[in-house]
Amino acid sequence: MVGKIHPLSFDPQRPDFSPYGLTCVHWKPSPMPRPDHHSEVELNFLKSGSVTYLLGGKKTVVEVGKLSVFWAAIPHQIIDFSPDTVYFVATIPLQNFLQWRLPEYFVEQLMHGQFISDPTSDRFESDRQLFEHWVNDLQNQSTEFEHPVLLEMQARLTRLAYKLPVENRGECFTSIANSGLNKVEQMACYVAQNYTEKLTAAQISEFVDLHPNYAMNLFQKTYGTTLINYLTQHRISHAQRLLTTTDLKVTEIALQSGFITISRFNDAFVRSCGCSPRDYRKSHHMTEDVRRVGT
């Protein structure tokens, strides 16, 4: 018999970009003083309530009973939730996810920062049972349950990919509406739209009609990180996607991600990910055969 489960919540002292690995837990939403980001693909499943993320500068609501998935390297932060929220969070190491050869349109949308949800909640009960099983199996001290859990996660995401409406299969993460956003959220949105450009704190502040010093202080007070660090996180996430899904040279990836010099890119990447861009590519690169699956 499994003992009582105590829901986990976000630890603001958690080292930036620290990996979670393969996990599935009951999660208790709490106000996040700063965005989180890690390399795993993240699954959310709500049994009740609601959760609103700021994901890549866009307000995104997780709905009850609809399996939701996103690449957690994209900075994400809980900004609102209802007190009756009960949900699961699962994380899948990126290398496992890429080895599954899921349809290309599905993988590419996630790698571009898209938040994907099941169009319906008709699998509510079966998904609830799946997540309960994953929680129990991964609590086991033995690693022998990891393989069946990964197989079940692969099968569930495959079903989700093929369930997406055909007209949505070519969509990528593009423009983000500003409506309903306060000044700080508008800054986060502007960064998400323009981080590959030569963007400065002065430009971001001008966009929201605030003095640069006031804007930067307001941003840090709200998110617990500096505006420049937030900008850098987006650029690193973009570089990770290119390192994983393309054969571009590292120098070209640095420039396309918004970095002015290769040295600044290397320094920022090592600080964020704990390894060089080349080592990251060796561990996570998606082969051409994998990229062709689903076309």
C-alpha atoms as a PDB file:
ATOM      1  CA  MET A   1       0.000   0.000   0.000  1.00  0.00           C
ATOM      2  CA  VAL A   2       1.393   3.413  -0.966  1.00  0.00           C
ATOM      3  CA  GLY A   3       1.754   5.929   1.837  1.00  0.00           C
ATOM      4  CA  LYS A   4       0.142   9.362   1.845  1.00  0.00           C
ATOM      5  CA  ILE A   5       1.430  11.578  -0.959  1.00  0.00           C
ATOM      6  CA  HIS A   6       2.562  15.077  -0.003  1.00  0.00           C
ATOM      7  CA  PRO A   7       2.343  17.427  -2.998  1.00  0.00           C
ATOM      8  CA  LEU A   8       5.529  19.180  -3.984  1.00  0.00           C
ATOM      9  CA  SER A   9       5.844  22.841  -4.947  1.00  0.00           C
ATOM     10  CA  PHE A  10       8.418  25.065  -6.649  1.00  0.00           C
ATOM     11  CA  ASP A  11      11.580  25.757  -4.655  1.00  0.00           C
ATOM     12  CA  PRO A  12      12.821  29.293  -5.439  1.00  0.00           C
ATOM     13  CA  GLN A  13      16.269  28.299  -4.125  1.00  0.00           C
ATOM     14  CA  ARG A  14      16.561  25.611  -6.768  1.00  0.00           C
ATOM     15  CA  PRO A  15      19.699  26.154  -8.916  1.00  0.00           C
ATOM     16  CA  ASP A  16      18.883  27.649 -12.295  1.00  0.00           C
ATOM     17  CA  PHE A  17      18.528  25.012 -15.024  1.00  0.00           C
ATOM     18  CA  SER A  18      19.083  22.164 -12.568  1.00  0.00           C
ATOM     19  CA  PRO A  19      17.695  18.946 -14.132  1.00  0.00           C
ATOM     20  CA  TYR A  20      14.694  17.081 -12.725  1.00  0.00           C
ATOM     21  CA  GLY A  21      15.232  13.878 -14.695  1.00  0.00           C
ATOM     22  CA  LEU A  22      12.403  11.360 -15.131  1.00  0.00           C
ATOM     23  CA  THR A  23       9.764  12.252 -12.539  1.00  0.00           C
ATOM     24  CA  CYS A  24       6.040  12.242 -11.891  1.00  0.00           C
ATOM     25  CA  VAL A  25       4.661  13.885  -8.761  1.00  0.00           C
ATOM     26  CA  HIS A  26       1.595  15.455  -7.225  1.00  0.00           C
ATOM     27  CA  TRP A  27       2.223  19.191  -7.486  1.00  0.00           C
ATOM     28  CA  LYS A  28       0.941  22.045  -5.352  1.00  0.00           C
ATOM     29  CA  PRO A  29       0.847  25.355  -7.227  1.00  0.00           C
ATOM     30  CA  SER A  30       2.397  28.333  -5.493  1.00  0.00           C
ATOM     31  CA  PRO A  31       3.381  31.846  -6.575  1.00  0.00           C
ATOM     32  CA  MET A  32       6.732  31.608  -8.367  1.00  0.00           C
ATOM     33  CA  PRO A  33       9.008  34.589  -7.621  1.00  0.00           C
ATOM     34  CA  ARG A  34      11.028  33.820 -10.736  1.00  0.00           C
ATOM     35  CA  PRO A  35      10.653  31.779 -13.920  1.00  0.00           C
ATOM     36  CA  ASP A  36      11.870  28.197 -13.913  1.00  0.00           C
ATOM     37  CA  HIS A  37      13.496  26.479 -16.841  1.00  0.00           C
ATOM     38  CA  HIS A  38      15.041  23.056 -17.255  1.00  0.00           C
ATOM     39  CA  SER A  39      15.861  20.825 -20.200  1.00  0.00           C
ATOM     40  CA  GLU A  40      13.106  18.229 -19.739  1.00  0.00           C
ATOM     41  CA  VAL A  41       9.782  18.034 -21.569  1.00  0.00           C
ATOM     42  CA  GLU A  42       7.058  18.690 -18.989  1.00  0.00           C
ATOM     43  CA  LEU A  43       3.572  17.201 -18.761  1.00  0.00           C
ATOM     44  CA  ASN A  44       0.762  18.749 -16.709  1.00  0.00           C
ATOM     45  CA  PHE A  45      -2.564  17.124 -15.857  1.00  0.00           C
ATOM     46  CA  LEU A  46      -5.140  18.898 -13.690  1.00  0.00           C
ATOM     47  CA  LYS A  47      -7.740  16.935 -11.754  1.00  0.00           C
ATOM     48  CA  SER A  48      -9.390  20.152 -10.550  1.00  0.00           C
ATOM     49  CA  GLY A  49      -8.892  23.904 -10.428  1.00  0.00           C
ATOM     50  CA  SER A  50      -6.845  25.975 -12.875  1.00  0.00           C
ATOM     51  CA  VAL A  51      -3.248  27.106 -13.374  1.00  0.00           C
ATOM     52  CA  THR A  52      -2.029  30.036 -15.448  1.00  0.00           C
ATOM     53  CA  TYR A  53       1.566  30.155 -16.670  1.00  0.00           C
ATOM     54  CA  LEU A  54       3.572  32.922 -18.219  1.00  0.00           C
ATOM     55  CA  LEU A  55       5.300  30.724 -20.781  1.00  0.00           C
ATOM     56  CA  GLY A  56       7.755  32.405 -23.112  1.00  0.00           C
ATOM     57  CA  GLY A  57       6.005  35.718 -22.488  1.00  0.00           C
ATOM     58  CA  LYS A  58       2.487  34.386 -23.170  1.00  0.00           C
ATOM     59  CA  LYS A  59      -0.301  33.800 -20.657  1.00  0.00           C
ATOM     60  CA  THR A  60      -1.257  30.137 -20.907  1.00  0.00           C
ATOM     61  CA  VAL A  61      -4.037  28.402 -18.977  1.00  0.00           C
ATOM     62  CA  VAL A  62      -3.892  24.681 -18.153  1.00  0.00           C
ATOM     63  CA  GLU A  63      -7.418  23.236 -18.314  1.00  0.00           C
ATOM     64  CA  VAL A  64      -8.858  20.445 -16.173  1.00  0.00           C
ATOM     65  CA  GLY A  65      -8.699  16.981 -17.720  1.00  0.00           C
ATOM     66  CA  LYS A  66      -6.674  18.016 -20.787  1.00  0.00           C
ATOM     67  CA  LEU A  67      -3.148  16.629 -20.906  1.00  0.00           C
ATOM     68  CA  SER A  68      -0.746  19.514 -21.586  1.00  0.00           C
ATOM     69  CA  VAL A  69       2.882  19.407 -22.654  1.00  0.00           C
ATOM     70  CA  PHE A  70       5.659  21.930 -23.257  1.00  0.00           C
ATOM     71  CA  TRP A  71       9.445  22.048 -23.448  1.00  0.00           C
ATOM     72  CA  ALA A  72      10.472  23.408 -20.063  1.00  0.00           C
ATOM     73  CA  ALA A  73      13.672  25.011 -21.373  1.00  0.00           C
ATOM     74  CA  ILE A  74      11.312  27.844 -22.277  1.00  0.00           C
ATOM     75  CA  PRO A  75      11.138  30.106 -19.173  1.00  0.00           C
ATOM     76  CA  HIS A  76       7.824  29.408 -17.453  1.00  0.00           C
ATOM     77  CA  GLN A  77       6.254  30.794 -14.322  1.00  0.00           C
ATOM     78  CA  ILE A  78       2.983  30.222 -12.479  1.00  0.00           C
ATOM     79  CA  ILE A  79       1.281  33.608 -12.158  1.00  0.00           C
ATOM     80  CA  ASP A  80      -2.206  32.541 -11.073  1.00  0.00           C
ATOM     81  CA  PHE A  81      -4.066  29.469  -9.779  1.00  0.00           C
ATOM     82  CA  SER A  82      -7.269  28.576  -7.998  1.00  0.00           C
ATOM     83  CA  PRO A  83      -7.119  27.299  -4.396  1.00  0.00           C
ATOM     84  CA  ASP A  84      -8.837  24.018  -5.287  1.00  0.00           C
ATOM     85  CA  THR A  85      -6.172  23.029  -7.831  1.00  0.00           C
ATOM     86  CA  VAL A  86      -5.010  19.403  -7.732  1.00  0.00           C
ATOM     87  CA  TYR A  87      -2.640  18.281 -10.448  1.00  0.00           C
ATOM     88  CA  PHE A  88       0.265  16.158 -11.588  1.00  0.00           C
ATOM     89  CA  VAL A  89       3.573  17.235 -13.094  1.00  0.00           C
ATOM     90  CA  ALA A  90       5.785  14.803 -15.004  1.00  0.00           C
ATOM     91  CA  THR A  91       9.181  15.509 -16.556  1.00  0.00           C
ATOM     92  CA  ILE A  92      10.807  13.542 -19.375  1.00  0.00           C
ATOM     93  CA  PRO A  93      14.535  13.854 -20.127  1.00  0.00           C
ATOM     94  CA  LEU A  94      14.976  15.478 -23.522  1.00  0.00           C
ATOM     95  CA  GLN A  95      17.170  12.676 -24.867  1.00  0.00           C
ATOM     96  CA  ASN A  96      14.420  10.120 -24.162  1.00  0.00           C
ATOM     97  CA  PHE A  97      11.781  12.312 -25.758  1.00  0.00           C
ATOM     98  CA  LEU A  98      13.828  12.807 -28.948  1.00  0.00           C
ATOM     99  CA  GLN A  99      14.576   9.091 -29.251  1.00  0.00           C
ATOM    100  CA  TRP A 100      10.856   8.291 -29.453  1.00  0.00           C
ATOM    101  CA  ARG A 101      10.582   9.463 -33.077  1.00  0.00           C
ATOM    102  CA  LEU A 102       7.278  11.218 -32.523  1.00  0.00           C
ATOM    103  CA  PRO A 103       5.712  13.015 -35.517  1.00  0.00           C
ATOM    104  CA  GLU A 104       7.899  15.898 -36.675  1.00  0.00           C
ATOM    105  CA  TYR A 105       5.138  18.525 -36.500  1.00  0.00           C
ATOM    106  CA  PHE A 106       4.601  17.640 -32.837  1.00  0.00           C
ATOM    107  CA  VAL A 107       8.293  17.725 -31.892  1.00  0.00           C
ATOM    108  CA  GLU A 108       8.973  20.922 -33.850  1.00  0.00           C
ATOM    109  CA  GLN A 109       6.084  22.774 -32.217  1.00  0.00           C
ATOM    110  CA  LEU A 110       7.396  21.878 -28.759  1.00  0.00           C
ATOM    111  CA  MET A 111      10.961  22.822 -29.707  1.00  0.00           C
ATOM    112  CA  HIS A 112       9.679  26.205 -30.903  1.00  0.00           C
ATOM    113  CA  GLY A 113       8.058  26.915 -27.550  1.00  0.00           C
ATOM    114  CA  GLN A 114       4.487  25.888 -28.301  1.00  0.00           C
ATOM    115  CA  PHE A 115       2.206  24.800 -25.449  1.00  0.00           C
ATOM    116  CA  ILE A 116       0.218  21.764 -26.645  1.00  0.00           C
ATOM    117  CA  SER A 117      -2.959  20.491 -24.992  1.00  0.00           C
ATOM    118  CA  ASP A 118      -5.307  17.638 -25.713  1.00  0.00           C
ATOM    119  CA  PRO A 119      -8.245  19.102 -27.655  1.00  0.00           C
ATOM    120  CA  THR A 120     -10.714  17.275 -25.379  1.00  0.00           C
ATOM    121  CA  SER A 121     -10.936  15.840 -21.874  1.00  0.00           C
ATOM    122  CA  ASP A 122     -12.406  12.505 -22.972  1.00  0.00           C
ATOM    123  CA  ARG A 123      -9.388  10.639 -21.579  1.00  0.00           C
ATOM    124  CA  PHE A 124      -9.740  12.209 -18.130  1.00  0.00           C
ATOM    125  CA  GLU A 125     -10.137   8.997 -16.145  1.00  0.00           C
ATOM    126  CA  SER A 126      -7.523   6.981 -18.058  1.00  0.00           C
ATOM    127  CA  ASP A 127      -5.018   9.850 -17.832  1.00  0.00           C
ATOM    128  CA  ARG A 128      -5.668  10.234 -14.110  1.00  0.00           C
ATOM    129  CA  GLN A 129      -4.932   6.546 -13.612  1.00  0.00           C
ATOM    130  CA  LEU A 130      -1.815   6.757 -15.790  1.00  0.00           C
ATOM    131  CA  PHE A 131      -0.364   9.613 -13.746  1.00  0.00           C
ATOM    132  CA  GLU A 132      -1.215   7.844 -10.480  1.00  0.00           C
ATOM    133  CA  HIS A 133       0.642   4.761 -11.725  1.00  0.00           C
ATOM    134  CA  TRP A 134       3.641   6.865 -12.789  1.00  0.00           C
ATOM    135  CA  VAL A 135       3.799   8.551  -9.385  1.00  0.00           C
ATOM    136  CA  ASN A 136       3.755   5.193  -7.599  1.00  0.00           C
ATOM    137  CA  ASP A 137       6.182   3.477  -9.985  1.00  0.00           C
ATOM    138  CA  LEU A 138       8.774   6.254  -9.861  1.00  0.00           C
ATOM    139  CA  GLN A 139       8.603   6.427  -6.074  1.00  0.00           C
ATOM    140  CA  ASN A 140       9.971   2.885  -6.053  1.00  0.00           C
ATOM    141  CA  GLN A 141      13.657   2.770  -5.172  1.00  0.00           C
ATOM    142  CA  SER A 142      14.308   0.351  -8.032  1.00  0.00           C
ATOM    143  CA  THR A 143      14.886   1.748 -11.521  1.00  0.00           C
ATOM    144  CA  GLU A 144      13.209  -1.270 -13.171  1.00  0.00           C
ATOM    145  CA  PHE A 145       9.907   0.646 -13.395  1.00  0.00           C
ATOM    146  CA  GLU A 146      11.422   3.505 -15.406  1.00  0.00           C
ATOM    147  CA  HIS A 147      11.307   1.567 -18.674  1.00  0.00           C
ATOM    148  CA  PRO A 148       7.552   0.775 -18.593  1.00  0.00           C
ATOM    149  CA  VAL A 149       6.806   4.344 -17.475  1.00  0.00           C
ATOM    150  CA  LEU A 150       8.746   5.731 -20.447  1.00  0.00           C
ATOM    151  CA  LEU A 151       6.932   3.361 -22.816  1.00  0.00           C
ATOM    152  CA  GLU A 152       3.567   4.513 -21.465  1.00  0.00           C
ATOM    153  CA  MET A 153       4.571   8.174 -21.727  1.00  0.00           C
ATOM    154  CA  GLN A 154       5.692   7.608 -25.318  1.00  0.00           C
ATOM    155  CA  ALA A 155       2.395   5.931 -26.216  1.00  0.00           C
ATOM    156  CA  ARG A 156       0.346   8.698 -24.588  1.00  0.00           C
ATOM    157  CA  LEU A 157       2.213  11.486 -26.392  1.00  0.00           C
ATOM    158  CA  THR A 158       1.926   9.602 -29.684  1.00  0.00           C
ATOM    159  CA  ARG A 159      -1.856   9.485 -29.239  1.00  0.00           C
ATOM    160  CA  LEU A 160      -1.856  13.190 -28.403  1.00  0.00           C
ATOM    161  CA  ALA A 161       0.184  14.033 -31.512  1.00  0.00           C
ATOM    162  CA  TYR A 162      -2.183  12.188 -33.832  1.00  0.00           C
ATOM    163  CA  LYS A 163      -5.224  13.671 -32.099  1.00  0.00           C
ATOM    164  CA  LEU A 164      -4.245  17.263 -32.907  1.00  0.00           C
ATOM    165  CA  PRO A 165      -6.433  18.858 -35.578  1.00  0.00           C
ATOM    166  CA  VAL A 166      -4.779  18.734 -39.004  1.00  0.00           C
ATOM    167  CA  GLU A 167      -5.014  22.510 -39.385  1.00  0.00           C
ATOM    168  CA  ASN A 168      -2.903  22.961 -36.216  1.00  0.00           C
ATOM    169  CA  ARG A 169      -0.090  20.635 -37.228  1.00  0.00           C
ATOM    170  CA  GLY A 170       1.901  23.263 -39.103  1.00  0.00           C
ATOM    171  CA  GLU A 171       1.647  25.972 -36.470  1.00  0.00           C
ATOM    172  CA  CYS A 172       4.684  27.295 -34.667  1.00  0.00           C
ATOM    173  CA  PHE A 173       5.173  29.678 -31.797  1.00  0.00           C
ATOM    174  CA  THR A 174       4.743  33.085 -33.447  1.00  0.00           C
ATOM    175  CA  SER A 175       3.186  36.367 -32.438  1.00  0.00           C
ATOM    176  CA  ILE A 176       1.973  36.994 -28.892  1.00  0.00           C
ATOM    177  CA  ALA A 177      -0.898  39.324 -28.070  1.00  0.00           C
ATOM    178  CA  ASN A 178      -0.342  42.002 -25.440  1.00  0.00           C
ATOM    179  CA  SER A 179      -3.975  42.322 -24.363  1.00  0.00           C
ATOM    180  CA  GLY A 180      -4.542  41.757 -20.663  1.00  0.00           C
ATOM    181  CA  LEU A 181      -0.867  42.071 -19.746  1.00  0.00           C
ATOM    182  CA  ASN A 182       0.511  44.491 -17.170  1.00  0.00           C
ATOM    183  CA  LYS A 183       3.758  46.429 -17.712  1.00  0.00           C
ATOM    184  CA  VAL A 184       6.039  43.669 -16.446  1.00  0.00           C
ATOM    185  CA  GLU A 185       4.240  40.990 -18.454  1.00  0.00           C
ATOM    186  CA  GLN A 186       4.478  43.238 -21.516  1.00  0.00           C
ATOM    187  CA  MET A 187       8.249  43.401 -21.034  1.00  0.00           C
ATOM    188  CA  ALA A 188       8.409  39.604 -20.791  1.00  0.00           C
ATOM    189  CA  CYS A 189       6.267  39.349 -23.923  1.00  0.00           C
ATOM    190  CA  TYR A 190       8.476  41.821 -25.819  1.00  0.00           C
ATOM    191  CA  VAL A 191      11.568  39.812 -24.875  1.00  0.00           C
ATOM    192  CA  ALA A 192       9.909  36.589 -26.061  1.00  0.00           C
ATOM    193  CA  GLN A 193       9.178  38.182 -29.442  1.00  0.00           C
ATOM    194  CA  ASN A 194      12.513  39.934 -30.006  1.00  0.00           C
ATOM    195  CA  TYR A 195      15.273  38.117 -28.091  1.00  0.00           C
ATOM    196  CA  THR A 196      17.106  37.118 -31.291  1.00  0.00           C
ATOM    197  CA  GLU A 197      17.612  40.810 -32.144  1.00  0.00           C
ATOM    198  CA  LYS A 198      20.205  43.205 -30.681  1.00  0.00           C
ATOM    199  CA  LEU A 199      17.921  43.962 -27.770  1.00  0.00           C
ATOM    200  CA  THR A 200      18.855  46.215 -24.843  1.00  0.00           C
ATOM    201  CA  ALA A 201      17.237  47.012 -21.515  1.00  0.00           C
ATOM    202  CA  ALA A 202      16.679  50.580 -22.750  1.00  0.00           C
ATOM    203  CA  GLN A 203      14.724  49.326 -25.778  1.00  0.00           C
ATOM    204  CA  ILE A 204      12.563  47.046 -23.644  1.00  0.00           C
ATOM    205  CA  SER A 205      11.844  49.880 -21.186  1.00  0.00           C
ATOM    206  CA  GLU A 206      10.985  52.267 -23.999  1.00  0.00           C
ATOM    207  CA  PHE A 207       8.486  49.741 -25.367  1.00  0.00           C
ATOM    208  CA  VAL A 208       6.443  49.954 -22.137  1.00  0.00           C
ATOM    209  CA  ASP A 209       7.049  53.715 -21.625  1.00  0.00           C
ATOM    210  CA  LEU A 210       9.043  53.318 -18.414  1.00  0.00           C
ATOM    211  CA  HIS A 211      12.396  54.733 -17.304  1.00  0.00           C
ATOM    212  CA  PRO A 212      15.060  52.002 -17.734  1.00  0.00           C
ATOM    213  CA  ASN A 213      16.085  51.956 -14.055  1.00  0.00           C
ATOM    214  CA  TYR A 214      12.493  51.785 -12.871  1.00  0.00           C
ATOM    215  CA  ALA A 215      11.623  49.130 -15.452  1.00  0.00           C
ATOM    216  CA  MET A 216      14.575  46.918 -14.478  1.00  0.00           C
ATOM    217  CA  ASN A 217      13.839  47.257 -10.754  1.00  0.00           C
ATOM    218  CA  LEU A 218      10.156  46.496 -11.314  1.00  0.00           C
ATOM    219  CA  PHE A 219      10.990  43.447 -13.414  1.00  0.00           C
ATOM    220  CA  GLN A 220      13.419  42.049 -10.836  1.00  0.00           C
ATOM    221  CA  LYS A 221      11.009  42.673  -7.971  1.00  0.00           C
ATOM    222  CA  THR A 222       8.252  40.812  -9.840  1.00  0.00           C
ATOM    223  CA  TYR A 223      10.198  37.884 -11.323  1.00  0.00           C
ATOM    224  CA  GLY A 224      13.161  37.577  -8.964  1.00  0.00           C
ATOM    225  CA  THR A 225      15.620  37.781 -11.846  1.00  0.00           C
ATOM    226  CA  THR A 226      17.103  40.646 -13.802  1.00  0.00           C
ATOM    227  CA  LEU A 227      15.747  41.703 -17.158  1.00  0.00           C
ATOM    228  CA  ILE A 228      19.087  40.868 -18.768  1.00  0.00           C
ATOM    229  CA  ASN A 229      19.129  37.385 -17.233  1.00  0.00           C
ATOM    230  CA  TYR A 230      15.592  36.815 -18.480  1.00  0.00           C
ATOM    231  CA  LEU A 231      16.665  37.861 -21.980  1.00  0.00           C
ATOM    232  CA  THR A 232      19.684  35.559 -21.789  1.00  0.00           C
ATOM    233  CA  GLN A 233      17.499  32.614 -20.722  1.00  0.00           C
ATOM    234  CA  HIS A 234      15.421  32.987 -23.877  1.00  0.00           C
ATOM    235  CA  ARG A 235      18.539  33.128 -26.038  1.00  0.00           C
ATOM    236  CA  ILE A 236      19.984  30.029 -24.372  1.00  0.00           C
ATOM    237  CA  SER A 237      16.686  28.157 -24.902  1.00  0.00           C
ATOM    238  CA  HIS A 238      16.733  29.120 -28.580  1.00  0.00           C
ATOM    239  CA  ALA A 239      20.325  27.926 -28.897  1.00  0.00           C
ATOM    240  CA  GLN A 240      19.431  24.612 -27.245  1.00  0.00           C
ATOM    241  CA  ARG A 241      16.716  24.037 -29.827  1.00  0.00           C
ATOM    242  CA  LEU A 242      19.108  24.757 -32.710  1.00  0.00           C
ATOM    243  CA  LEU A 243      21.829  22.575 -31.205  1.00  0.00           C
ATOM    244  CA  THR A 244      19.308  19.756 -30.835  1.00  0.00           C
ATOM    245  CA  THR A 245      17.446  19.976 -34.124  1.00  0.00           C
ATOM    246  CA  THR A 246      19.924  21.390 -36.696  1.00  0.00           C
ATOM    247  CA  ASP A 247      23.470  20.895 -37.965  1.00  0.00           C
ATOM    248  CA  LEU A 248      24.296  24.606 -37.942  1.00  0.00           C
ATOM    249  CA  LYS A 249      27.753  25.613 -36.771  1.00  0.00           C
ATOM    250  CA  VAL A 250      27.977  26.756 -33.158  1.00  0.00           C
ATOM    251  CA  THR A 251      29.038  30.238 -34.257  1.00  0.00           C
ATOM    252  CA  GLU A 252      25.971  30.562 -36.472  1.00  0.00           C
ATOM    253  CA  ILE A 253      23.739  29.325 -33.658  1.00  0.00           C
ATOM    254  CA  ALA A 254      25.192  31.948 -31.311  1.00  0.00           C
ATOM    255  CA  LEU A 255      24.400  34.735 -33.773  1.00  0.00           C
ATOM    256  CA  GLN A 256      20.920  33.435 -34.603  1.00  0.00           C
ATOM    257  CA  SER A 257      20.142  33.239 -30.875  1.00  0.00           C
ATOM    258  CA  GLY A 258      20.919  36.914 -30.333  1.00  0.00           C
ATOM    259  CA  PHE A 259      24.464  36.759 -28.962  1.00  0.00           C
ATOM    260  CA  ILE A 260      26.917  39.311 -30.342  1.00  0.00           C
ATOM    261  CA  THR A 261      30.064  37.214 -29.902  1.00  0.00           C
ATOM    262  CA  ILE A 262      30.870  33.514 -29.613  1.00  0.00           C
ATOM    263  CA  SER A 263      32.737  34.114 -26.348  1.00  0.00           C
ATOM    264  CA  ARG A 264      29.678  35.677 -24.683  1.00  0.00           C
ATOM    265  CA  PHE A 265      27.562  32.806 -25.961  1.00  0.00           C
ATOM    266  CA  ASN A 266      29.935  30.151 -24.607  1.00  0.00           C
ATOM    267  CA  ASP A 267      30.194  31.848 -21.206  1.00  0.00           C
ATOM    268  CA  ALA A 268      26.418  32.244 -20.864  1.00  0.00           C
ATOM    269  CA  PHE A 269      25.742  28.693 -22.052  1.00  0.00           C
ATOM    270  CA  VAL A 270      28.182  27.108 -19.598  1.00  0.00           C
ATOM    271  CA  ARG A 271      26.778  29.169 -16.710  1.00  0.00           C
ATOM    272  CA  SER A 272      23.218  28.166 -17.588  1.00  0.00           C
ATOM    273  CA  CYS A 273      23.621  24.538 -18.672  1.00  0.00           C
ATOM    274  CA  GLY A 274      26.811  23.406 -16.953  1.00  0.00           C
ATOM    275  CA  CYS A 275      28.433  22.297 -20.203  1.00  0.00           C
ATOM    276  CA  SER A 276      29.680  23.747 -23.473  1.00  0.00           C
ATOM    277  CA  PRO A 277      27.366  24.063 -26.504  1.00  0.00           C
ATOM    278  CA  ARG A 278      29.324  21.309 -28.276  1.00  0.00           C
ATOM    279  CA  ASP A 279      28.975  18.911 -25.344  1.00  0.00           C
ATOM    280  CA  TYR A 280      25.253  19.708 -25.138  1.00  0.00           C
ATOM    281  CA  ARG A 281      24.854  18.867 -28.829  1.00  0.00           C
ATOM    282  CA  LYS A 282      26.655  15.534 -28.382  1.00  0.00           C
ATOM    283  CA  SER A 283      24.189  14.546 -25.636  1.00  0.00           C
ATOM    284  CA  HIS A 284      20.955  15.808 -27.199  1.00  0.00           C
ATOM    285  CA  HIS A 285      21.320  16.046 -30.965  1.00  0.00           C
ATOM    286  CA  MET A 286      18.384  14.788 -33.047  1.00  0.00           C
ATOM    287  CA  THR A 287      19.602  12.883 -36.102  1.00  0.00           C
ATOM    288  CA  GLU A 288      18.311  13.582 -39.613  1.00  0.00           C
ATOM    289  CA  ASP A 289      16.450  10.247 -39.570  1.00  0.00           C
ATOM    290  CA  VAL A 290      14.578  11.276 -36.437  1.00  0.00           C
ATOM    291  CA  ARG A 291      13.769  14.704 -37.901  1.00  0.00           C
ATOM    292  CA  ARG A 292      12.250  13.067 -40.993  1.00  0.00           C
ATOM    293  CA  VAL A 293       9.800  10.952 -38.991  1.00  0.00           C
ATOM    294  CA  GLY A 294       6.273  12.284 -39.256  1.00  0.00           C
ATOM    295  CA  THR A 295       6.761  14.171 -42.518  1.00  0.00           C
END
